[in-house]
Amino acid sequence: MGEYAVIGEGLDQINFNKIISLNGTAAYIWKEIEDKDFDSKMVADLLLAKYDVSEETAISDASALVQKLVENGLTE
C-alpha cells in the first residue's frame, strides 16, 4: 500500500516539519472532502458509509480528524 501526505498550497505554507502523513482511512476522507465545505458530521457519515464502526466511534474519529486538519491549517 502507498503512503499519503497532505501539504498546504503556496510557498508560505511549505514547512517540511508540518507535512501531514495520512493512513488509508484519512486519505479516503481527504479525497472525499477536498475542495468541499465539510464538518464533523459529514466526515462521520463518510466513515459510517464505508466502515463497520459504531456511530459513536465515527463521530469521535471524525471530530478528531477535523480538529487535526484545522490545527494544521489544512482548512479554509
PDB file of N, CA and C in Angstrom:
ATOM      1  N   MET A   1       0.843  -1.166   0.000  1.00  0.00           N
ATOM      2  CA  MET A   1       0.000   0.000   0.000  1.00  0.00           C
ATOM      3  C   MET A   1       0.893   1.235   0.000  1.00  0.00           C
ATOM      4  N   GLY A   2       0.469   2.276  -0.713  1.00  0.00           N
ATOM      5  CA  GLY A   2       1.219   3.517  -0.785  1.00  0.00           C
ATOM      6  C   GLY A   2       1.049   4.352   0.467  1.00  0.00           C
ATOM      7  N   GLU A   3       1.826   5.413   0.514  1.00  0.00           N
ATOM      8  CA  GLU A   3       1.717   6.355   1.619  1.00  0.00           C
ATOM      9  C   GLU A   3       1.041   7.613   1.119  1.00  0.00           C
ATOM     10  N   TYR A   4       0.357   8.302   2.005  1.00  0.00           N
ATOM     11  CA  TYR A   4      -0.360   9.508   1.657  1.00  0.00           C
ATOM     12  C   TYR A   4       0.137  10.654   2.523  1.00  0.00           C
ATOM     13  N   ALA A   5       0.221  11.843   1.931  1.00  0.00           N
ATOM     14  CA  ALA A   5       0.628  13.031   2.680  1.00  0.00           C
ATOM     15  C   ALA A   5      -0.122  14.228   2.139  1.00  0.00           C
ATOM     16  N   VAL A   6      -0.333  15.220   3.000  1.00  0.00           N
ATOM     17  CA  VAL A   6      -1.002  16.455   2.616  1.00  0.00           C
ATOM     18  C   VAL A   6      -0.067  17.596   2.963  1.00  0.00           C
ATOM     19  N   ILE A   7       0.092  18.519   2.015  1.00  0.00           N
ATOM     20  CA  ILE A   7       0.926  19.699   2.220  1.00  0.00           C
ATOM     21  C   ILE A   7       0.118  20.899   1.762  1.00  0.00           C
ATOM     22  N   GLY A   8       0.114  21.977   2.550  1.00  0.00           N
ATOM     23  CA  GLY A   8      -0.620  23.186   2.182  1.00  0.00           C
ATOM     24  C   GLY A   8      -0.081  23.788   0.900  1.00  0.00           C
ATOM     25  N   GLU A   9      -0.945  24.500   0.181  1.00  0.00           N
ATOM     26  CA  GLU A   9      -0.558  25.136  -1.074  1.00  0.00           C
ATOM     27  C   GLU A   9       0.177  26.437  -0.828  1.00  0.00           C
ATOM     28  N   GLY A  10       1.013  26.835  -1.780  1.00  0.00           N
ATOM     29  CA  GLY A  10       1.698  28.118  -1.716  1.00  0.00           C
ATOM     30  C   GLY A  10       3.008  28.032  -0.959  1.00  0.00           C
ATOM     31  N   LEU A  11       3.962  28.840  -1.351  1.00  0.00           N
ATOM     32  CA  LEU A  11       5.276  28.806  -0.735  1.00  0.00           C
ATOM     33  C   LEU A  11       5.249  29.149   0.748  1.00  0.00           C
ATOM     34  N   ASP A  12       4.336  30.024   1.157  1.00  0.00           N
ATOM     35  CA  ASP A  12       4.280  30.378   2.564  1.00  0.00           C
ATOM     36  C   ASP A  12       3.781  29.224   3.430  1.00  0.00           C
ATOM     37  N   GLN A  13       3.188  28.218   2.822  1.00  0.00           N
ATOM     38  CA  GLN A  13       2.696  27.055   3.560  1.00  0.00           C
ATOM     39  C   GLN A  13       3.747  25.948   3.685  1.00  0.00           C
ATOM     40  N   ILE A  14       4.825  26.028   2.921  1.00  0.00           N
ATOM     41  CA  ILE A  14       5.796  24.950   2.930  1.00  0.00           C
ATOM     42  C   ILE A  14       6.614  24.993   4.213  1.00  0.00           C
ATOM     43  N   ASN A  15       6.475  23.958   4.976  1.00  0.00           N
ATOM     44  CA  ASN A  15       7.247  23.743   6.187  1.00  0.00           C
ATOM     45  C   ASN A  15       7.335  22.232   6.325  1.00  0.00           C
ATOM     46  N   PHE A  16       8.473  21.671   5.997  1.00  0.00           N
ATOM     47  CA  PHE A  16       8.578  20.223   5.948  1.00  0.00           C
ATOM     48  C   PHE A  16       8.449  19.565   7.318  1.00  0.00           C
ATOM     49  N   ASN A  17       8.405  20.351   8.376  1.00  0.00           N
ATOM     50  CA  ASN A  17       8.103  19.808   9.692  1.00  0.00           C
ATOM     51  C   ASN A  17       6.599  19.658   9.879  1.00  0.00           C
ATOM     52  N   LYS A  18       5.823  20.180   8.940  1.00  0.00           N
ATOM     53  CA  LYS A  18       4.366  20.154   9.055  1.00  0.00           C
ATOM     54  C   LYS A  18       3.711  19.322   7.957  1.00  0.00           C
ATOM     55  N   ILE A  19       4.452  18.416   7.330  1.00  0.00           N
ATOM     56  CA  ILE A  19       3.845  17.505   6.363  1.00  0.00           C
ATOM     57  C   ILE A  19       2.982  16.529   7.153  1.00  0.00           C
ATOM     58  N   ILE A  20       1.749  16.364   6.732  1.00  0.00           N
ATOM     59  CA  ILE A  20       0.806  15.516   7.436  1.00  0.00           C
ATOM     60  C   ILE A  20       0.724  14.171   6.723  1.00  0.00           C
ATOM     61  N   SER A  21       1.107  13.132   7.414  1.00  0.00           N
ATOM     62  CA  SER A  21       1.021  11.781   6.886  1.00  0.00           C
ATOM     63  C   SER A  21      -0.370  11.227   7.179  1.00  0.00           C
ATOM     64  N   LEU A  22      -0.983  10.628   6.174  1.00  0.00           N
ATOM     65  CA  LEU A  22      -2.338  10.103   6.324  1.00  0.00           C
ATOM     66  C   LEU A  22      -2.354   8.589   6.193  1.00  0.00           C
ATOM     67  N   ASN A  23      -3.111   7.923   7.060  1.00  0.00           N
ATOM     68  CA  ASN A  23      -3.320   6.495   6.861  1.00  0.00           C
ATOM     69  C   ASN A  23      -4.388   6.326   5.779  1.00  0.00           C
ATOM     70  N   GLY A  24      -4.692   5.104   5.407  1.00  0.00           N
ATOM     71  CA  GLY A  24      -5.641   4.853   4.328  1.00  0.00           C
ATOM     72  C   GLY A  24      -7.018   5.453   4.573  1.00  0.00           C
ATOM     73  N   THR A  25      -7.503   5.373   5.800  1.00  0.00           N
ATOM     74  CA  THR A  25      -8.813   5.929   6.134  1.00  0.00           C
ATOM     75  C   THR A  25      -8.812   7.443   6.015  1.00  0.00           C
ATOM     76  N   ALA A  26      -7.788   8.088   6.569  1.00  0.00           N
ATOM     77  CA  ALA A  26      -7.705   9.549   6.489  1.00  0.00           C
ATOM     78  C   ALA A  26      -7.552   9.996   5.041  1.00  0.00           C
ATOM     79  N   ALA A  27      -6.809   9.241   4.236  1.00  0.00           N
ATOM     80  CA  ALA A  27      -6.651   9.583   2.821  1.00  0.00           C
ATOM     81  C   ALA A  27      -7.991   9.483   2.092  1.00  0.00           C
ATOM     82  N   TYR A  28      -8.774   8.450   2.408  1.00  0.00           N
ATOM     83  CA  TYR A  28     -10.116   8.307   1.822  1.00  0.00           C
ATOM     84  C   TYR A  28     -10.970   9.526   2.169  1.00  0.00           C
ATOM     85  N   ILE A  29     -10.966   9.905   3.452  1.00  0.00           N
ATOM     86  CA  ILE A  29     -11.753  11.061   3.881  1.00  0.00           C
ATOM     87  C   ILE A  29     -11.278  12.315   3.168  1.00  0.00           C
ATOM     88  N   TRP A  30      -9.959  12.503   3.112  1.00  0.00           N
ATOM     89  CA  TRP A  30      -9.397  13.697   2.466  1.00  0.00           C
ATOM     90  C   TRP A  30      -9.877  13.793   1.020  1.00  0.00           C
ATOM     91  N   LYS A  31      -9.829  12.683   0.289  1.00  0.00           N
ATOM     92  CA  LYS A  31     -10.259  12.693  -1.111  1.00  0.00           C
ATOM     93  C   LYS A  31     -11.739  13.050  -1.239  1.00  0.00           C
ATOM     94  N   GLU A  32     -12.537  12.612  -0.279  1.00  0.00           N
ATOM     95  CA  GLU A  32     -13.980  12.880  -0.315  1.00  0.00           C
ATOM     96  C   GLU A  32     -14.327  14.318   0.045  1.00  0.00           C
ATOM     97  N   ILE A  33     -13.529  14.956   0.897  1.00  0.00           N
ATOM     98  CA  ILE A  33     -13.868  16.307   1.360  1.00  0.00           C
ATOM     99  C   ILE A  33     -13.066  17.396   0.659  1.00  0.00           C
ATOM    100  N   GLU A  34     -12.053  17.019  -0.087  1.00  0.00           N
ATOM    101  CA  GLU A  34     -11.197  18.006  -0.750  1.00  0.00           C
ATOM    102  C   GLU A  34     -12.031  18.941  -1.615  1.00  0.00           C
ATOM    103  N   ASP A  35     -11.790  20.233  -1.460  1.00  0.00           N
ATOM    104  CA  ASP A  35     -12.474  21.288  -2.220  1.00  0.00           C
ATOM    105  C   ASP A  35     -13.976  21.367  -1.938  1.00  0.00           C
ATOM    106  N   LYS A  36     -14.409  20.867  -0.779  1.00  0.00           N
ATOM    107  CA  LYS A  36     -15.819  20.931  -0.389  1.00  0.00           C
ATOM    108  C   LYS A  36     -15.922  21.568   0.992  1.00  0.00           C
ATOM    109  N   ASP A  37     -17.071  22.163   1.257  1.00  0.00           N
ATOM    110  CA  ASP A  37     -17.373  22.567   2.624  1.00  0.00           C
ATOM    111  C   ASP A  37     -17.730  21.295   3.382  1.00  0.00           C
ATOM    112  N   PHE A  38     -17.164  21.121   4.567  1.00  0.00           N
ATOM    113  CA  PHE A  38     -17.435  19.909   5.324  1.00  0.00           C
ATOM    114  C   PHE A  38     -17.440  20.233   6.811  1.00  0.00           C
ATOM    115  N   ASP A  39     -17.997  19.312   7.573  1.00  0.00           N
ATOM    116  CA  ASP A  39     -17.968  19.404   9.024  1.00  0.00           C
ATOM    117  C   ASP A  39     -17.800  17.991   9.582  1.00  0.00           C
ATOM    118  N   SER A  40     -17.740  17.898  10.888  1.00  0.00           N
ATOM    119  CA  SER A  40     -17.526  16.596  11.535  1.00  0.00           C
ATOM    120  C   SER A  40     -18.636  15.610  11.205  1.00  0.00           C
ATOM    121  N   LYS A  41     -19.870  16.100  11.083  1.00  0.00           N
ATOM    122  CA  LYS A  41     -20.988  15.201  10.760  1.00  0.00           C
ATOM    123  C   LYS A  41     -20.807  14.574   9.388  1.00  0.00           C
ATOM    124  N   MET A  42     -20.393  15.372   8.400  1.00  0.00           N
ATOM    125  CA  MET A  42     -20.171  14.831   7.061  1.00  0.00           C
ATOM    126  C   MET A  42     -19.073  13.766   7.093  1.00  0.00           C
ATOM    127  N   VAL A  43     -17.996  14.046   7.814  1.00  0.00           N
ATOM    128  CA  VAL A  43     -16.897  13.086   7.917  1.00  0.00           C
ATOM    129  C   VAL A  43     -17.375  11.813   8.619  1.00  0.00           C
ATOM    130  N   ALA A  44     -18.157  11.952   9.685  1.00  0.00           N
ATOM    131  CA  ALA A  44     -18.697  10.786  10.385  1.00  0.00           C
ATOM    132  C   ALA A  44     -19.584   9.964   9.453  1.00  0.00           C
ATOM    133  N   ASP A  45     -20.399  10.635   8.652  1.00  0.00           N
ATOM    134  CA  ASP A  45     -21.264   9.927   7.692  1.00  0.00           C
ATOM    135  C   ASP A  45     -20.440   9.150   6.679  1.00  0.00           C
ATOM    136  N   LEU A  46     -19.326   9.723   6.239  1.00  0.00           N
ATOM    137  CA  LEU A  46     -18.436   9.013   5.307  1.00  0.00           C
ATOM    138  C   LEU A  46     -17.855   7.769   5.965  1.00  0.00           C
ATOM    139  N   LEU A  47     -17.449   7.890   7.212  1.00  0.00           N
ATOM    140  CA  LEU A  47     -16.916   6.734   7.936  1.00  0.00           C
ATOM    141  C   LEU A  47     -17.975   5.644   8.093  1.00  0.00           C
ATOM    142  N   LEU A  48     -19.181   6.051   8.443  1.00  0.00           N
ATOM    143  CA  LEU A  48     -20.262   5.080   8.625  1.00  0.00           C
ATOM    144  C   LEU A  48     -20.619   4.377   7.320  1.00  0.00           C
ATOM    145  N   ALA A  49     -20.533   5.099   6.205  1.00  0.00           N
ATOM    146  CA  ALA A  49     -20.883   4.518   4.910  1.00  0.00           C
ATOM    147  C   ALA A  49     -19.854   3.498   4.433  1.00  0.00           C
ATOM    148  N   LYS A  50     -18.597   3.692   4.806  1.00  0.00           N
ATOM    149  CA  LYS A  50     -17.532   2.834   4.275  1.00  0.00           C
ATOM    150  C   LYS A  50     -17.068   1.754   5.252  1.00  0.00           C
ATOM    151  N   TYR A  51     -17.155   2.028   6.536  1.00  0.00           N
ATOM    152  CA  TYR A  51     -16.586   1.118   7.528  1.00  0.00           C
ATOM    153  C   TYR A  51     -17.643   0.614   8.498  1.00  0.00           C
ATOM    154  N   ASP A  52     -17.382  -0.542   9.053  1.00  0.00           N
ATOM    155  CA  ASP A  52     -18.276  -1.148  10.035  1.00  0.00           C
ATOM    156  C   ASP A  52     -17.869  -0.653  11.424  1.00  0.00           C
ATOM    157  N   VAL A  53     -18.286   0.569  11.735  1.00  0.00           N
ATOM    158  CA  VAL A  53     -17.986   1.179  13.034  1.00  0.00           C
ATOM    159  C   VAL A  53     -19.280   1.702  13.636  1.00  0.00           C
ATOM    160  N   SER A  54     -19.271   1.871  14.943  1.00  0.00           N
ATOM    161  CA  SER A  54     -20.452   2.428  15.606  1.00  0.00           C
ATOM    162  C   SER A  54     -20.538   3.923  15.309  1.00  0.00           C
ATOM    163  N   GLU A  55     -21.737   4.456  15.465  1.00  0.00           N
ATOM    164  CA  GLU A  55     -21.922   5.895  15.255  1.00  0.00           C
ATOM    165  C   GLU A  55     -21.065   6.691  16.236  1.00  0.00           C
ATOM    166  N   GLU A  56     -20.978   6.217  17.465  1.00  0.00           N
ATOM    167  CA  GLU A  56     -20.173   6.892  18.487  1.00  0.00           C
ATOM    168  C   GLU A  56     -18.696   6.961  18.073  1.00  0.00           C
ATOM    169  N   THR A  57     -18.170   5.853  17.567  1.00  0.00           N
ATOM    170  CA  THR A  57     -16.772   5.821  17.110  1.00  0.00           C
ATOM    171  C   THR A  57     -16.580   6.733  15.913  1.00  0.00           C
ATOM    172  N   ALA A  58     -17.509   6.701  14.974  1.00  0.00           N
ATOM    173  CA  ALA A  58     -17.402   7.548  13.781  1.00  0.00           C
ATOM    174  C   ALA A  58     -17.399   9.021  14.159  1.00  0.00           C
ATOM    175  N   ILE A  59     -18.273   9.414  15.063  1.00  0.00           N
ATOM    176  CA  ILE A  59     -18.348  10.821  15.490  1.00  0.00           C
ATOM    177  C   ILE A  59     -17.059  11.232  16.194  1.00  0.00           C
ATOM    178  N   SER A  60     -16.565  10.381  17.064  1.00  0.00           N
ATOM    179  CA  SER A  60     -15.337  10.679  17.798  1.00  0.00           C
ATOM    180  C   SER A  60     -14.149  10.802  16.844  1.00  0.00           C
ATOM    181  N   ASP A  61     -14.009   9.826  15.946  1.00  0.00           N
ATOM    182  CA  ASP A  61     -12.898   9.845  14.992  1.00  0.00           C
ATOM    183  C   ASP A  61     -13.001  11.025  14.032  1.00  0.00           C
ATOM    184  N   ALA A  62     -14.211  11.328  13.577  1.00  0.00           N
ATOM    185  CA  ALA A  62     -14.415  12.450  12.661  1.00  0.00           C
ATOM    186  C   ALA A  62     -14.052  13.770  13.332  1.00  0.00           C
ATOM    187  N   SER A  63     -14.470  13.943  14.560  1.00  0.00           N
ATOM    188  CA  SER A  63     -14.152  15.171  15.293  1.00  0.00           C
ATOM    189  C   SER A  63     -12.652  15.327  15.467  1.00  0.00           C
ATOM    190  N   ALA A  64     -11.970  14.240  15.787  1.00  0.00           N
ATOM    191  CA  ALA A  64     -10.517  14.286  15.964  1.00  0.00           C
ATOM    192  C   ALA A  64      -9.817  14.633  14.655  1.00  0.00           C
ATOM    193  N   LEU A  65     -10.267  14.052  13.547  1.00  0.00           N
ATOM    194  CA  LEU A  65      -9.645  14.334  12.255  1.00  0.00           C
ATOM    195  C   LEU A  65      -9.865  15.786  11.847  1.00  0.00           C
ATOM    196  N   VAL A  66     -11.081  16.270  11.969  1.00  0.00           N
ATOM    197  CA  VAL A  66     -11.372  17.658  11.603  1.00  0.00           C
ATOM    198  C   VAL A  66     -10.554  18.613  12.469  1.00  0.00           C
ATOM    199  N   GLN A  67     -10.435  18.315  13.745  1.00  0.00           N
ATOM    200  CA  GLN A  67      -9.634  19.149  14.634  1.00  0.00           C
ATOM    201  C   GLN A  67      -8.175  19.184  14.177  1.00  0.00           C
ATOM    202  N   LYS A  68      -7.620  18.050  13.797  1.00  0.00           N
ATOM    203  CA  LYS A  68      -6.232  17.990  13.307  1.00  0.00           C
ATOM    204  C   LYS A  68      -6.068  18.805  12.031  1.00  0.00           C
ATOM    205  N   LEU A  69      -7.026  18.709  11.125  1.00  0.00           N
ATOM    206  CA  LEU A  69      -6.954  19.470   9.885  1.00  0.00           C
ATOM    207  C   LEU A  69      -6.952  20.968  10.164  1.00  0.00           C
ATOM    208  N   VAL A  70      -7.806  21.397  11.080  1.00  0.00           N
ATOM    209  CA  VAL A  70      -7.881  22.810  11.449  1.00  0.00           C
ATOM    210  C   VAL A  70      -6.594  23.245  12.130  1.00  0.00           C
ATOM    211  N   GLU A  71      -6.118  22.473  13.094  1.00  0.00           N
ATOM    212  CA  GLU A  71      -4.897  22.803  13.833  1.00  0.00           C
ATOM    213  C   GLU A  71      -3.685  22.975  12.907  1.00  0.00           C
ATOM    214  N   ASN A  72      -3.672  22.194  11.833  1.00  0.00           N
ATOM    215  CA  ASN A  72      -2.529  22.221  10.926  1.00  0.00           C
ATOM    216  C   ASN A  72      -2.739  23.123   9.723  1.00  0.00           C
ATOM    217  N   GLY A  73      -3.793  23.931   9.758  1.00  0.00           N
ATOM    218  CA  GLY A  73      -4.018  24.904   8.700  1.00  0.00           C
ATOM    219  C   GLY A  73      -4.391  24.318   7.354  1.00  0.00           C
ATOM    220  N   LEU A  74      -5.018  23.166   7.365  1.00  0.00           N
ATOM    221  CA  LEU A  74      -5.372  22.493   6.116  1.00  0.00           C
ATOM    222  C   LEU A  74      -6.814  22.725   5.699  1.00  0.00           C
ATOM    223  N   THR A  75      -7.482  23.651   6.380  1.00  0.00           N
ATOM    224  CA  THR A  75      -8.853  24.009   6.021  1.00  0.00           C
ATOM    225  C   THR A  75      -8.907  25.507   5.788  1.00  0.00           C
ATOM    226  N   GLU A  76      -9.929  25.939   5.102  1.00  0.00           N
ATOM    227  CA  GLU A  76     -10.100  27.373   4.846  1.00  0.00           C
ATOM    228  C   GLU A  76     -11.148  27.935   5.765  1.00  0.00           C
TER     229      GLU A  76
END
